[in-house]
N, C-alpha and C. Protein backbone atom coordinates (compact mmCIF):
# COMPACT_ATOMS: atom_id res chain seq x y z
N MET A 1 106.28 149.57 75.04
CA MET A 1 104.74 149.28 74.46
C MET A 1 103.59 149.26 75.68
N SER A 2 102.51 149.76 75.62
CA SER A 2 101.86 150.04 76.81
C SER A 2 101.04 148.61 76.95
N LYS A 3 100.21 148.42 78.25
CA LYS A 3 99.69 147.06 78.67
C LYS A 3 98.58 146.77 77.52
N MET A 4 98.13 145.68 77.41
CA MET A 4 96.96 145.24 76.81
C MET A 4 95.83 145.52 77.86
N LYS A 5 94.75 146.12 77.32
CA LYS A 5 93.39 146.23 78.02
C LYS A 5 92.61 145.24 77.94
N THR A 6 91.93 144.63 78.82
CA THR A 6 90.64 143.77 78.70
C THR A 6 89.59 144.22 78.07
N LYS A 7 88.87 143.58 76.97
CA LYS A 7 87.71 144.16 76.46
C LYS A 7 86.66 144.29 77.32
N SER A 8 85.86 145.24 77.48
CA SER A 8 84.85 145.35 78.73
C SER A 8 83.80 144.62 78.31
N GLY A 9 83.37 144.30 76.99
CA GLY A 9 82.33 143.42 76.62
C GLY A 9 82.74 142.11 77.15
N ALA A 10 83.92 141.72 76.93
CA ALA A 10 84.27 140.21 77.16
C ALA A 10 84.10 140.08 78.67
N LYS A 11 84.53 140.76 79.32
CA LYS A 11 84.70 140.49 80.93
C LYS A 11 83.26 140.44 81.48
N LYS A 12 82.25 141.01 80.88
CA LYS A 12 81.00 140.65 81.17
C LYS A 12 80.51 139.38 80.72
N ARG A 13 81.00 138.82 79.85
CA ARG A 13 80.30 137.49 79.00
C ARG A 13 81.14 136.38 79.45
N PHE A 14 82.37 136.46 79.86
CA PHE A 14 83.22 135.16 80.14
C PHE A 14 83.91 135.29 81.49
N LYS A 15 83.95 134.17 82.03
CA LYS A 15 84.80 134.00 83.19
C LYS A 15 85.81 132.79 83.05
N LEU A 16 87.08 133.04 83.63
CA LEU A 16 88.07 131.75 83.74
C LEU A 16 87.76 131.06 84.86
N THR A 17 87.91 129.68 84.65
CA THR A 17 87.76 128.58 85.62
C THR A 17 89.32 128.75 86.45
N ALA A 18 89.40 127.89 87.39
CA ALA A 18 90.73 127.92 88.35
C ALA A 18 91.70 127.11 87.44
N THR A 19 91.25 126.21 86.58
CA THR A 19 92.21 125.54 85.77
C THR A 19 92.40 126.27 84.35
N GLY A 20 91.70 127.40 84.16
CA GLY A 20 92.02 128.36 83.16
C GLY A 20 91.02 128.11 81.77
N LYS A 21 90.11 127.22 81.90
CA LYS A 21 89.01 127.18 80.99
C LYS A 21 88.38 128.44 80.90
N VAL A 22 87.76 128.52 79.85
CA VAL A 22 86.52 129.67 79.71
C VAL A 22 85.12 129.39 79.65
N LYS A 23 84.39 129.85 80.63
CA LYS A 23 82.94 129.69 80.83
C LYS A 23 82.09 130.81 80.30
N ALA A 24 81.22 130.54 79.40
CA ALA A 24 80.20 131.37 78.85
C ALA A 24 78.63 131.01 79.07
N GLY A 25 77.95 131.96 78.72
CA GLY A 25 76.41 131.63 78.93
C GLY A 25 76.16 130.92 77.76
N GLN A 26 74.89 129.86 77.92
CA GLN A 26 74.42 129.45 76.70
C GLN A 26 73.94 130.26 75.84
N THR A 27 74.18 129.96 74.48
CA THR A 27 73.60 130.48 73.29
C THR A 27 72.23 130.48 72.87
N GLY A 28 71.46 131.09 72.27
CA GLY A 28 69.99 130.89 71.97
C GLY A 28 69.01 131.12 72.84
N LYS A 29 69.19 131.81 73.91
CA LYS A 29 68.06 132.25 74.98
C LYS A 29 67.56 133.76 74.91
N ARG A 30 68.00 134.56 73.96
CA ARG A 30 67.60 135.96 73.95
C ARG A 30 66.02 136.08 73.74
N HIS A 31 65.81 135.36 72.74
CA HIS A 31 64.25 135.56 72.14
C HIS A 31 63.79 134.34 71.39
N GLY A 32 62.64 134.43 71.25
CA GLY A 32 61.77 133.26 70.31
C GLY A 32 61.84 131.96 71.21
N MET A 33 61.32 132.17 72.29
CA MET A 33 61.22 130.85 73.38
C MET A 33 60.00 130.28 73.09
N ILE A 34 59.22 130.84 72.50
CA ILE A 34 57.73 130.26 72.01
C ILE A 34 58.18 129.10 71.11
N LYS A 35 59.15 129.12 70.22
CA LYS A 35 59.44 128.09 69.13
C LYS A 35 60.44 127.10 69.76
N ARG A 36 60.97 127.21 70.78
CA ARG A 36 61.65 126.20 71.62
C ARG A 36 60.94 125.21 72.34
N THR A 37 61.35 123.98 72.52
CA THR A 37 60.69 122.96 73.39
C THR A 37 61.19 123.32 74.60
N PRO A 38 60.29 122.90 75.68
CA PRO A 38 60.58 122.89 77.03
C PRO A 38 62.06 122.29 77.26
N LYS A 39 62.40 121.14 76.76
CA LYS A 39 63.66 120.62 77.06
C LYS A 39 64.65 121.39 76.44
N GLN A 40 64.79 122.08 75.24
CA GLN A 40 65.48 122.95 74.85
C GLN A 40 65.95 124.18 75.83
N ILE A 41 64.78 124.89 76.29
CA ILE A 41 64.88 125.70 77.37
C ILE A 41 65.45 125.16 78.61
N ARG A 42 65.35 124.28 79.11
CA ARG A 42 65.66 123.57 80.38
C ARG A 42 67.23 123.38 79.96
N ASP A 43 67.48 122.66 78.95
CA ASP A 43 69.09 122.49 78.77
C ASP A 43 69.93 123.57 78.57
N LYS A 44 69.48 124.68 77.99
CA LYS A 44 70.05 126.03 77.84
C LYS A 44 70.40 127.02 79.13
N ARG A 45 69.94 126.23 80.24
CA ARG A 45 70.13 127.15 81.57
C ARG A 45 71.61 127.12 81.92
N GLY A 46 72.20 128.03 82.83
CA GLY A 46 73.55 127.89 83.19
C GLY A 46 74.43 128.26 82.11
N THR A 47 75.81 127.97 82.44
CA THR A 47 76.74 128.39 81.63
C THR A 47 77.61 126.88 81.10
N VAL A 48 78.26 127.01 80.09
CA VAL A 48 79.01 125.97 79.21
C VAL A 48 80.53 126.33 79.12
N VAL A 49 81.50 125.21 79.29
CA VAL A 49 82.90 125.65 78.98
C VAL A 49 83.03 125.63 77.49
N LEU A 50 83.84 126.70 76.80
CA LEU A 50 83.83 126.87 75.64
C LEU A 50 84.86 125.82 74.93
N ALA A 51 84.74 125.50 73.58
CA ALA A 51 85.63 124.60 73.08
C ALA A 51 86.94 125.15 73.15
N PRO A 52 87.94 124.33 73.11
CA PRO A 52 89.31 124.91 73.01
C PRO A 52 89.93 125.96 72.16
N ALA A 53 89.52 125.65 70.90
CA ALA A 53 89.64 126.39 69.83
C ALA A 53 89.14 128.00 70.07
N ASP A 54 87.72 127.95 70.67
CA ASP A 54 87.14 129.34 70.94
C ASP A 54 87.89 129.91 72.27
N ALA A 55 88.12 129.02 73.31
CA ALA A 55 88.60 129.56 74.41
C ALA A 55 90.12 130.32 74.04
N LYS A 56 90.92 129.77 73.23
CA LYS A 56 92.09 130.22 73.09
C LYS A 56 91.98 131.72 72.44
N VAL A 57 90.93 131.94 71.47
CA VAL A 57 90.88 133.01 70.93
C VAL A 57 90.38 134.08 72.05
N VAL A 58 89.36 133.75 72.64
CA VAL A 58 88.90 134.67 74.01
C VAL A 58 90.10 135.07 74.66
N LYS A 59 90.86 134.16 75.19
CA LYS A 59 91.88 134.41 76.41
C LYS A 59 93.01 135.18 75.69
N LYS A 60 93.39 135.01 74.33
CA LYS A 60 94.44 135.78 73.79
C LYS A 60 93.81 137.28 73.23
N LYS A 61 92.82 137.39 72.79
CA LYS A 61 92.51 138.60 72.30
C LYS A 61 91.43 139.42 73.17
N PHE A 62 90.80 138.64 74.06
CA PHE A 62 89.48 139.56 74.84
C PHE A 62 90.10 139.63 76.18
N LEU A 63 90.71 138.47 76.95
CA LEU A 63 90.91 138.50 78.22
C LEU A 63 92.41 138.24 78.54
N PRO A 64 93.14 139.29 78.04
CA PRO A 64 94.58 138.89 78.28
C PRO A 64 95.07 139.11 79.60
N ASN A 65 94.36 139.66 80.53
CA ASN A 65 94.94 139.81 81.99
C ASN A 65 94.12 138.78 82.61
N GLY A 66 93.40 137.86 82.26
CA GLY A 66 92.99 136.71 83.11
C GLY A 66 91.92 137.08 83.92
N LEU A 67 91.04 138.04 83.45
CA LEU A 67 89.77 138.32 84.29
C LEU A 67 88.37 137.34 84.36
């Protein structure tokens, strides 16, 4: 059986920490900033660690090589 390939869309969106957790960008920042409060915009900066259930799916299906 051939090797599993990493999904190229996933390797641009997710990173693995040294302990194996999955980091991703905050959601809700693409458009519609005018209707968000300044506090919401500030809080959405940077990245977050995904919930364990979501991280399990990402690591198994999209990042099998641990990129």
